[in-house]
Every structure is written in structure tokens, then in C-alpha cells.
Amino acid sequence: MIIQDARELLTLAGKKGPRCYEEMNELAIIEKGSVVVKNGRIVAVGTKESIAAEYNANRIIDARGKVVMPGFVDPHTHPVFFGTREKEFEMRILGKSYVEISQEGGGIRSSIAGVRQTSEEELYQLSLNRIRRIISCGTTTLEAKSGYGLSTASELKMLRVINRIKQELPIDIIPTFLGAHEFPAEYKDNRQEYIRILKEEMIPAVAKEGLAEYCDIFTEKHVFSVAESRDILKTARDYGFKIRMHADEIEPIGGASLAAEMKAVSADHLGSASSRSIISMKKAGVIPILLPATIFSLGLKNYAQAREMIDKGLPVALATDFNPGSCNCDSMQFVITLSCLQMRMTVAEAIVASTINAAWSLQRGKELGSLEPGKKADILVMDMPSYRYLPYHFGSNNVAQVYKEGRLVYENNI
């Protein structure tokens, strides 16, 4: 297959690793570009003339007037849940904070009962439909967390659902165990017992069944302290899990510094991360994943300091944080818009953060995130005149076609 004659072909070709500093502004654009695909992999990229002179194809995709770019990589989502929480959205409009809602029994705890009482099959069907919608917005690789069961049986149920969807849908889905998402109501006054269950029951059970690649934790003043997080993450690491963290989202309690200490692959949110912790993350090779749609949905102003992170050489990544409560957003396109408007990222930086850097945040950068020979043919054909149009035209879907490993998985027929 050849996708040919794109007005702009964004290859993102560059160094073999996460992009930092000015590298985040380098999209390696080929005008009137074409990309050759065979057996799900990219064979070559180049101008229409150079590709036509060297390659023939059984199938030609005409991309005239369009932008062709890598599929989005969304490295932080919570797509498995039962029931939505739009009432909390209205409560926030009326002045309640996220922490206040949580302390009154809302927030994450309000999703627990639904997940515990819902059958695996129903959770599977609900989540399958959500992820299909995510694909239609251009995401071709997705990280998916548990975390709304908070009991051994229900966390395993959520992870089995994620792994079933991984087999069913034609995109890469990376499962993450997030049993340390909150303290369930029955352990609200007995935190140490829940931590014991996490360490002695949940983590060993998830490892035994091979249901997750990563272990995550919500390190925040009203949830897991730095000391509790360290204790749980050490156990997870001993069982072979790689580490991700929700860190310093609301208050600067030292979550990002702990991520550096634990050599976490990523630290996510970071709305209140200090300059000192940013430097620690850089030294430890931790990739910051920023979630501006969450701040937007919560009606807050403490967007992560993307400019400081980029200027200090961190390879910033972006994600939706799609979930039923604080951020019911499934579009990486909208995240890119927010990143430009609220975190002062350039359009190119936001695209790099949503593709190649996001891929490296999942340790998949050698396989995807850019359109280079040998990589998976995860390709978007975007109905827009230039890459700068992407954040400018928001509130609707710019995707014309989504290809995963060379296979057409979504087409917008409008």
C-alpha cells in the first residue's frame, strides 16, 4: 500500500529516543509526501516522485490536500468503568472541589460499587465501545488502567477486561494495575490493612496471572502518602512490574521526586510539581506525562509547567486521562489544543508529545510513534490543510482515516 501525495507528511524522523529541547519542534515534514507500507510495517517514506519511481503497490491511497502523520499514543487512560459521574461535574460548577467531592463519598469511590456489581461481560462491552470511539479520534496505541474495583477480585476482573479488549481490537493496549487508586470506604479508617492487601494479595495475584505490565499509584495528600507509595511500589517492583505514578497533581507533596527515586518510567499529572522535582525527574530519566484536559474539566488553573519542563530538557508527553469522573475526554486532538492554549506548547511540541514521546513513555518508541522504515504502520490521514490546523480547529474530529499496522481501522465518511 502507498499513501501518496500528502500536502504534509509528518514523519517525525529523528534520534532514536525521546525528544527533548528543540528536538520537540522537529516534525521532519515531507511536502507532497508518500509512505510505503508492506506487511504492516513502513518500508519507505519520501516525495511522491521518489516513491513512485521506486515502488509499485496493489493499493494507492490518495492523500492530496491532507496531512499524514503517526497515530496518537495515549499513555494514561481509565476506560473500564460502569456508570458516569456527570452529577459531580455540576457539583464542581457549583463550587465543590475535587477533594471535597471525594471526601464526601464521591470521586473514585463512587465508581467502585458499579464495577464490583457489574459482570465482566457487561464491563467488557461498555469498555469495548468506549475504546472504539477513542480509535475514531486517531488513537492507535492506548495505556489502560484498572483502579475502580479496589478489591482483589474486582481488580482482576478489570484487568481481564482490558486484556480481552487487547485481543479483540486492532490497536496496541498496554494494561496497568492501579489498585492503589484510592482507599475503599471499608478501609477508610484502616489504611494499613488495605496496604497489606495490596502488597500481599493484589500485586501477587496480578503478577501470577500476567495481567499487567505496569503498576501505578495515586500519590497525593488525600490518598497515598509518599511513604505509603514507596512501600507499595517497592513490592510491585519486586514482583516484576514497571512503575508509573500519578504524582503532584493537586499539592506538591513530593510525588515527582519519589518517581525519580523509584526510577519510574513516567510521572503523570504534575500540576503542582516543583522545579527541584523536575530536575530530579530529568536526572532519573522519568518521562512527564501531562494531562491538561483534567485540569480543564476540574475548572482549575494549575496546568503543569510544560514550558519549564521542555526548557530544562524533559521529553514531555501528553495523554487524555479519559475516566468517568475528573476527565471524560477521549480525544487527543482536544488535548493538543489545550496544551497549546494553556501550557504554551508549540503545535509541533504538542504533536511530538502525543506521538513519539508518548510512545517512549510506554517503552514502545522503537516500534511506533513516528513514520520511519521498519516501524509499525500506525498512520493517520487528517482532513486538514496543515499540521498547525490541528489545535486551531477544535471541537470536531479532523481524522479522515486511521490505519493500524497498515490496516484501515476507522474511516470518517462525512
Protein backbone atom coordinates (compact mmCIF):
# COMPACT_ATOMS: atom_id res chain seq x y z
CA MET A 1 0.00 0.00 0.00
CA ILE A 2 1.13 3.52 -0.74
CA ILE A 3 -0.43 6.57 0.90
CA GLN A 4 0.63 9.23 -1.54
CA ASP A 5 0.82 12.92 -2.28
CA ALA A 6 0.07 14.27 1.19
CA ARG A 7 0.25 18.03 1.40
CA GLU A 8 2.34 17.44 4.54
CA LEU A 9 3.76 14.09 5.58
CA LEU A 10 4.84 14.36 9.23
CA THR A 11 7.45 11.62 9.61
CA LEU A 12 8.91 12.75 12.98
CA ALA A 13 12.11 11.07 11.87
CA GLY A 14 14.93 11.82 14.27
CA LYS A 15 17.10 10.45 17.02
CA LYS A 16 16.39 7.01 18.48
CA GLY A 17 14.97 8.12 21.79
CA PRO A 18 12.62 10.59 23.46
CA ARG A 19 12.77 14.09 22.01
CA CYS A 20 13.95 16.99 24.19
CA TYR A 21 14.61 20.71 23.88
CA GLU A 22 14.36 21.93 20.27
CA GLU A 23 14.01 18.34 19.03
CA MET A 24 10.37 18.64 20.09
CA ASN A 25 9.84 21.20 17.32
CA GLU A 26 11.22 18.95 14.58
CA LEU A 27 8.47 17.15 12.66
CA ALA A 28 10.62 16.16 9.66
CA ILE A 29 7.91 17.15 7.18
CA ILE A 30 7.93 15.98 3.58
CA GLU A 31 5.74 18.09 1.29
CA LYS A 32 3.82 16.07 -1.31
CA GLY A 33 4.98 13.07 0.66
CA SER A 34 4.23 9.37 0.32
CA VAL A 35 4.63 6.41 2.65
CA VAL A 36 5.02 2.79 1.56
CA VAL A 37 3.54 0.00 3.71
CA LYS A 38 4.06 -3.76 3.47
CA ASN A 39 3.04 -6.47 5.94
CA GLY A 40 2.00 -3.87 8.50
CA ARG A 41 5.36 -2.09 8.51
CA ILE A 42 6.65 1.09 6.92
CA VAL A 43 9.01 0.33 4.04
CA ALA A 44 9.88 3.83 2.87
CA VAL A 45 8.90 7.49 3.05
CA GLY A 46 9.71 10.22 0.55
CA THR A 47 8.32 12.60 -2.01
CA LYS A 48 5.58 11.37 -4.31
CA GLU A 49 8.01 11.36 -7.24
CA SER A 50 10.79 9.47 -5.49
CA ILE A 51 8.43 6.81 -4.13
CA ALA A 52 6.64 6.38 -7.49
CA ALA A 53 9.97 5.89 -9.22
CA GLU A 54 10.95 3.00 -6.94
CA TYR A 55 7.76 1.31 -5.68
CA ASN A 56 4.56 -0.18 -7.04
CA ALA A 57 1.56 -1.05 -4.91
CA ASN A 58 -1.64 -3.07 -5.02
CA ARG A 59 -3.42 -0.25 -3.25
CA ILE A 60 -2.98 3.50 -3.57
CA ILE A 61 -4.48 5.90 -1.03
CA ASP A 62 -4.82 9.45 -2.34
CA ALA A 63 -3.93 11.95 0.42
CA ARG A 64 -3.90 15.08 -1.74
CA GLY A 65 -4.63 18.18 0.31
CA LYS A 66 -4.38 16.26 3.58
CA VAL A 67 -1.90 15.79 6.41
CA VAL A 68 -0.48 12.32 7.05
CA MET A 69 1.05 11.71 10.46
CA PRO A 70 1.70 9.00 13.08
CA GLY A 71 -1.23 7.64 15.07
CA PHE A 72 -1.72 9.17 18.50
CA VAL A 73 -0.33 7.31 21.51
CA ASP A 74 -2.43 7.87 24.64
CA PRO A 75 -0.33 6.76 27.65
CA HIS A 76 -2.78 7.44 30.51
CA THR A 77 -6.43 6.30 30.47
CA HIS A 78 -9.06 4.69 32.73
CA PRO A 79 -11.55 3.27 30.17
CA VAL A 80 -13.04 0.39 32.19
CA PHE A 81 -15.88 1.56 34.42
CA PHE A 82 -19.61 1.31 34.98
CA GLY A 83 -21.69 4.45 35.24
CA THR A 84 -20.81 8.05 34.59
CA ARG A 85 -20.42 10.93 37.06
CA GLU A 86 -21.90 13.96 35.36
CA LYS A 87 -23.52 14.98 38.67
CA GLU A 88 -20.03 15.62 40.03
CA PHE A 89 -19.31 17.82 37.03
CA GLU A 90 -22.25 20.00 38.01
CA MET A 91 -21.17 19.94 41.68
CA ARG A 92 -17.83 21.39 40.62
CA ILE A 93 -19.60 24.11 38.64
CA LEU A 94 -21.46 24.99 41.85
CA GLY A 95 -18.21 25.33 43.79
CA LYS A 96 -17.30 21.91 45.22
CA SER A 97 -13.65 20.91 44.79
CA TYR A 98 -12.46 17.51 43.56
CA VAL A 99 -11.07 16.71 47.02
CA GLU A 100 -14.29 17.80 48.77
CA ILE A 101 -16.39 15.59 46.49
CA SER A 102 -14.04 12.68 47.16
CA GLN A 103 -14.15 13.15 50.93
CA GLU A 104 -17.97 13.15 50.80
CA GLY A 105 -18.02 9.74 49.15
CA GLY A 106 -17.88 10.85 45.53
CA GLY A 107 -14.93 10.69 43.19
CA ILE A 108 -13.18 7.38 42.67
CA ARG A 109 -15.11 5.72 45.49
CA SER A 110 -18.41 6.38 43.73
CA SER A 111 -17.26 4.23 40.79
CA ILE A 112 -16.30 1.26 42.95
CA ALA A 113 -19.78 -0.13 43.61
CA GLY A 114 -20.64 -0.14 39.92
CA VAL A 115 -17.52 -2.05 38.93
CA ARG A 116 -17.87 -4.55 41.78
CA GLN A 117 -21.52 -5.30 40.98
CA THR A 118 -21.23 -5.40 37.19
CA SER A 119 -20.42 -8.62 35.37
CA GLU A 120 -17.19 -8.98 33.48
CA GLU A 121 -19.14 -9.34 30.24
CA GLU A 122 -21.03 -6.07 30.71
CA LEU A 123 -17.85 -4.21 31.64
CA TYR A 124 -16.23 -5.68 28.54
CA GLN A 125 -19.00 -4.48 26.20
CA LEU A 126 -19.13 -0.99 27.72
CA SER A 127 -15.35 -0.56 27.58
CA LEU A 128 -15.10 -2.01 24.08
CA ASN A 129 -17.46 0.64 22.75
CA ARG A 130 -15.55 3.42 24.53
CA ILE A 131 -12.24 2.36 23.04
CA ARG A 132 -13.75 2.10 19.57
CA ARG A 133 -14.70 5.77 19.93
CA ILE A 134 -11.16 6.56 21.07
CA ILE A 135 -9.83 4.89 17.91
CA SER A 136 -12.12 7.08 15.79
CA CYS A 137 -10.33 10.12 17.24
CA GLY A 138 -6.98 8.86 15.97
CA THR A 139 -5.51 6.89 18.87
CA THR A 140 -3.68 3.75 17.73
CA THR A 141 -1.91 2.84 21.00
CA LEU A 142 -3.53 3.05 24.41
CA GLU A 143 -2.47 2.51 28.01
CA ALA A 144 -5.41 1.30 30.13
CA LYS A 145 -5.55 1.17 33.93
CA SER A 146 -7.62 -0.73 36.46
CA GLY A 147 -8.39 1.06 39.72
CA TYR A 148 -12.18 1.20 40.13
CA GLY A 149 -12.57 -2.17 41.83
CA LEU A 150 -10.17 -1.85 44.77
CA SER A 151 -10.62 -5.47 45.82
CA THR A 152 -8.59 -8.38 44.57
CA ALA A 153 -11.50 -9.97 42.67
CA SER A 154 -12.72 -6.77 41.04
CA GLU A 155 -9.25 -5.50 40.10
CA LEU A 156 -8.54 -8.84 38.43
CA LYS A 157 -11.90 -8.55 36.67
CA MET A 158 -10.99 -5.12 35.29
CA LEU A 159 -7.60 -6.31 34.07
CA ARG A 160 -9.15 -9.37 32.41
CA VAL A 161 -11.50 -6.99 30.57
CA ILE A 162 -8.55 -4.88 29.41
CA ASN A 163 -6.73 -7.97 28.18
CA ARG A 164 -9.85 -9.25 26.36
CA ILE A 165 -10.20 -5.93 24.57
CA LYS A 166 -6.50 -6.07 23.75
CA GLN A 167 -7.19 -9.29 21.86
CA GLU A 168 -10.38 -8.02 20.24
CA LEU A 169 -9.45 -4.58 18.94
CA PRO A 170 -6.78 -3.91 16.29
CA ILE A 171 -4.72 -1.45 18.36
CA ASP A 172 -1.97 -1.84 20.95
CA ILE A 173 -3.35 -1.74 24.50
CA ILE A 174 -0.93 -1.74 27.44
CA PRO A 175 -2.50 -2.80 30.79
CA THR A 176 -1.60 -1.12 34.08
CA PHE A 177 -2.58 -2.24 37.60
CA LEU A 178 -3.87 0.66 39.71
CA GLY A 179 -5.16 -0.97 42.86
CA ALA A 180 -3.63 1.95 44.78
CA HIS A 181 -6.04 4.45 43.24
CA GLU A 182 -7.88 5.26 46.47
CA PHE A 183 -8.74 3.69 49.83
CA PRO A 184 -12.13 1.99 49.51
CA ALA A 185 -14.75 3.00 52.06
CA GLU A 186 -14.41 -0.18 54.10
CA TYR A 187 -10.73 0.61 54.73
CA LYS A 188 -11.03 4.37 55.10
CA ASP A 189 -10.18 4.08 58.80
CA ASN A 190 -7.82 1.13 58.41
CA ARG A 191 -5.37 2.21 55.74
CA GLN A 192 -2.65 -0.22 56.76
CA GLU A 193 -4.94 -3.22 56.21
CA TYR A 194 -5.68 -2.12 52.65
CA ILE A 195 -1.98 -1.58 52.01
CA ARG A 196 -1.37 -5.12 53.32
CA ILE A 197 -3.98 -6.45 50.87
CA LEU A 198 -2.32 -4.55 48.03
CA LYS A 199 1.11 -5.94 48.87
CA GLU A 200 0.20 -9.48 49.91
CA GLU A 201 -2.86 -10.28 47.79
CA MET A 202 -3.46 -7.97 44.81
CA ILE A 203 0.05 -7.45 43.48
CA PRO A 204 0.98 -11.16 43.72
CA ALA A 205 -2.34 -12.19 42.09
CA VAL A 206 -1.96 -9.76 39.17
CA ALA A 207 1.64 -10.91 38.67
CA LYS A 208 0.68 -14.58 38.80
CA GLU A 209 -1.96 -14.16 36.08
CA GLY A 210 0.31 -11.89 33.99
CA LEU A 211 -2.45 -9.31 33.58
CA ALA A 212 -0.44 -6.06 33.72
CA GLU A 213 2.88 -4.68 32.57
CA TYR A 214 2.92 -1.65 34.87
CA CYS A 215 1.90 -0.76 38.42
CA ASP A 216 0.63 2.76 39.08
CA ILE A 217 -0.31 4.63 42.27
CA PHE A 218 -2.14 7.86 43.13
CA THR A 219 0.35 9.74 45.31
CA GLU A 220 -1.47 12.73 46.72
CA LYS A 221 -2.18 14.31 50.11
CA HIS A 222 -5.74 12.94 50.34
CA VAL A 223 -4.85 9.47 49.01
CA PHE A 224 -1.47 7.67 49.30
CA SER A 225 1.39 9.45 51.06
CA VAL A 226 4.94 9.39 49.75
CA ALA A 227 5.95 6.83 52.40
CA GLU A 228 2.96 4.58 51.63
CA SER A 229 3.62 4.89 47.91
CA ARG A 230 7.28 3.96 48.29
CA ASP A 231 6.33 0.86 50.29
CA ILE A 232 3.75 -0.33 47.75
CA LEU A 233 5.90 0.43 44.70
CA LYS A 234 8.87 -1.46 46.11
CA THR A 235 6.66 -4.53 46.42
CA ALA A 236 5.39 -4.05 42.87
CA ARG A 237 8.93 -3.73 41.56
CA ASP A 238 9.92 -6.92 43.40
CA TYR A 239 7.17 -8.74 41.50
CA GLY A 240 8.49 -7.52 38.16
CA PHE A 241 6.20 -4.58 37.45
CA LYS A 242 7.50 -1.43 35.84
CA ILE A 243 6.42 1.75 37.61
CA ARG A 244 4.14 4.63 36.62
CA MET A 245 2.83 7.26 39.04
CA HIS A 246 0.06 9.82 39.49
CA ALA A 247 2.24 12.49 41.09
CA ASP A 248 1.81 16.01 42.48
CA GLU A 249 -1.48 16.61 40.70
CA ILE A 250 -3.04 18.87 43.33
CA GLU A 251 -0.42 19.54 46.01
CA PRO A 252 3.41 19.37 45.86
CA ILE A 253 3.93 16.57 48.37
CA GLY A 254 6.97 15.04 46.67
CA GLY A 255 5.40 12.53 44.30
CA ALA A 256 7.56 13.56 41.36
CA SER A 257 10.72 13.26 43.47
CA LEU A 258 9.60 9.77 44.52
CA ALA A 259 9.11 8.90 40.85
CA ALA A 260 12.74 9.86 40.28
CA GLU A 261 13.87 7.85 43.32
CA MET A 262 11.93 4.77 42.16
CA LYS A 263 13.17 5.14 38.55
CA ALA A 264 9.58 5.21 37.38
CA VAL A 265 9.03 5.12 33.63
CA SER A 266 6.63 8.04 33.90
CA ALA A 267 5.22 10.56 36.35
CA ASP A 268 1.79 11.85 35.37
CA HIS A 269 -0.30 14.98 36.07
CA LEU A 270 2.43 17.12 37.77
CA GLY A 271 0.25 20.22 38.06
CA SER A 272 2.00 21.12 41.33
CA ALA A 273 5.45 19.67 40.69
CA SER A 274 8.31 21.81 42.00
CA SER A 275 11.29 22.98 39.96
CA ARG A 276 13.54 20.80 42.11
CA SER A 277 11.47 17.69 41.35
CA ILE A 278 11.53 18.50 37.63
CA ILE A 279 15.33 18.43 37.74
CA SER A 280 15.25 15.15 39.69
CA MET A 281 12.99 13.60 37.07
CA LYS A 282 15.35 14.65 34.30
CA LYS A 283 18.36 13.10 36.04
CA ALA A 284 16.46 9.85 36.62
CA GLY A 285 15.10 9.61 33.07
CA VAL A 286 11.45 9.86 34.14
CA ILE A 287 9.12 10.97 31.34
CA PRO A 288 6.50 13.54 32.43
CA ILE A 289 3.01 12.84 31.09
CA LEU A 290 0.85 15.95 31.24
CA LEU A 291 -2.96 15.83 31.36
CA PRO A 292 -4.35 19.30 30.61
CA ALA A 293 -7.88 18.07 29.90
CA THR A 294 -8.16 17.01 33.55
CA ILE A 295 -7.31 20.49 34.78
CA PHE A 296 -9.76 21.92 32.25
CA SER A 297 -12.54 19.53 33.35
CA LEU A 298 -11.94 20.26 37.04
CA GLY A 299 -12.13 24.00 36.38
CA LEU A 300 -8.66 24.57 37.84
CA LYS A 301 -5.77 26.78 36.77
CA ASN A 302 -2.71 24.79 37.86
CA TYR A 303 -1.72 23.46 34.48
CA ALA A 304 1.59 21.64 34.53
CA GLN A 305 4.66 23.73 33.77
CA ALA A 306 5.25 22.32 30.31
CA ARG A 307 7.45 25.20 29.20
CA GLU A 308 9.78 24.84 32.17
CA MET A 309 9.99 21.09 31.65
CA ILE A 310 10.76 21.40 27.95
CA ASP A 311 13.26 24.21 28.52
CA LYS A 312 15.04 22.06 31.11
CA GLY A 313 15.28 19.15 28.71
CA LEU A 314 12.50 16.79 29.77
CA PRO A 315 10.80 14.81 26.98
CA VAL A 316 7.22 15.86 27.70
CA ALA A 317 4.38 13.51 26.71
CA LEU A 318 0.62 14.13 26.65
CA ALA A 319 -2.40 11.95 27.46
CA THR A 320 -6.18 12.30 27.81
CA ASP A 321 -6.68 10.82 31.31
CA PHE A 322 -10.02 9.53 29.97
CA ASN A 323 -12.09 8.48 33.01
CA PRO A 324 -15.67 8.68 34.32
CA GLY A 325 -15.09 11.45 36.85
CA SER A 326 -12.43 14.10 36.53
CA CYS A 327 -11.92 13.94 32.76
CA ASN A 328 -14.41 12.32 30.40
CA CYS A 329 -12.32 13.23 27.35
CA ASP A 330 -11.35 10.65 24.74
CA SER A 331 -9.74 12.93 22.13
CA MET A 332 -6.00 13.50 21.89
CA GLN A 333 -6.84 16.24 19.38
CA PHE A 334 -8.53 18.30 22.11
CA VAL A 335 -5.61 17.62 24.45
CA ILE A 336 -3.27 19.10 21.83
CA THR A 337 -5.45 22.23 21.64
CA LEU A 338 -5.37 22.66 25.43
CA SER A 339 -1.63 22.08 25.53
CA CYS A 340 -1.07 24.92 23.09
CA LEU A 341 -3.52 27.35 24.67
CA GLN A 342 -3.00 26.65 28.36
CA MET A 343 0.57 25.30 28.63
CA ARG A 344 2.10 27.42 25.83
CA MET A 345 3.43 24.45 23.92
CA THR A 346 4.05 24.96 20.23
CA VAL A 347 1.91 22.92 17.85
CA ALA A 348 4.94 20.83 16.89
CA GLU A 349 5.84 20.18 20.54
CA ALA A 350 2.29 19.03 21.27
CA ILE A 351 2.32 16.65 18.29
CA VAL A 352 5.69 15.19 19.32
CA ALA A 353 4.36 14.81 22.88
CA SER A 354 1.31 12.94 21.57
CA THR A 355 3.20 10.53 19.34
CA ILE A 356 6.89 9.68 19.66
CA ASN A 357 7.41 10.90 23.25
CA ALA A 358 4.19 9.23 24.36
CA ALA A 359 5.42 6.03 22.71
CA TRP A 360 8.68 6.22 24.67
CA SER A 361 6.68 6.78 27.87
CA LEU A 362 5.28 3.29 27.26
CA GLN A 363 8.71 1.96 26.20
CA ARG A 364 7.39 1.45 22.66
CA GLY A 365 9.40 4.15 20.90
CA LYS A 366 11.42 1.68 18.85
CA GLU A 367 8.20 0.29 17.34
CA LEU A 368 5.89 3.25 16.87
CA GLY A 369 5.35 6.99 17.31
CA SER A 370 6.98 8.10 14.04
CA LEU A 371 6.74 7.19 10.36
CA GLU A 372 10.14 5.63 9.74
CA PRO A 373 11.15 2.48 7.85
CA GLY A 374 10.81 -0.64 9.98
CA LYS A 375 8.24 0.78 12.38
CA LYS A 376 4.59 -0.22 12.64
CA ALA A 377 2.43 1.47 10.02
CA ASP A 378 0.25 3.35 12.53
CA ILE A 379 -0.89 6.22 10.34
CA LEU A 380 -3.49 8.98 10.37
CA VAL A 381 -4.81 10.70 7.28
CA MET A 382 -6.07 14.03 8.60
CA ASP A 383 -8.58 16.19 6.75
CA MET A 384 -6.76 19.47 7.28
CA PRO A 385 -4.50 21.72 5.21
CA SER A 386 -1.52 21.83 7.59
CA TYR A 387 -0.38 20.43 10.92
CA ARG A 388 -0.99 23.85 12.52
CA TYR A 389 -4.68 23.44 11.75
CA LEU A 390 -4.94 20.58 14.28
CA PRO A 391 -5.27 22.62 17.52
CA TYR A 392 -6.86 25.55 15.72
CA HIS A 393 -9.89 23.54 14.54
CA PHE A 394 -11.17 22.03 17.77
CA GLY A 395 -14.45 20.54 18.92
CA SER A 396 -14.78 18.17 15.98
CA ASN A 397 -12.82 15.29 14.51
CA ASN A 398 -10.10 16.08 11.96
CA VAL A 399 -9.47 12.37 11.26
CA ALA A 400 -10.27 11.06 7.78
CA GLN A 401 -8.69 7.60 8.14
CA VAL A 402 -6.93 5.59 10.84
CA TYR A 403 -4.51 2.80 9.91
CA LYS A 404 -3.09 0.37 12.47
CA GLU A 405 -0.18 -1.71 11.18
CA GLY A 406 -1.35 -0.86 7.67
CA ARG A 407 -4.94 -1.96 8.26
CA LEU A 408 -7.77 0.53 7.89
CA VAL A 409 -9.50 0.54 11.31
CA TYR A 410 -11.60 3.71 11.00
CA GLU A 411 -12.83 5.92 8.19
CA ASN A 412 -14.82 9.11 8.52
CA ASN A 413 -17.26 9.11 5.60
CA ILE A 414 -18.62 12.60 6.18
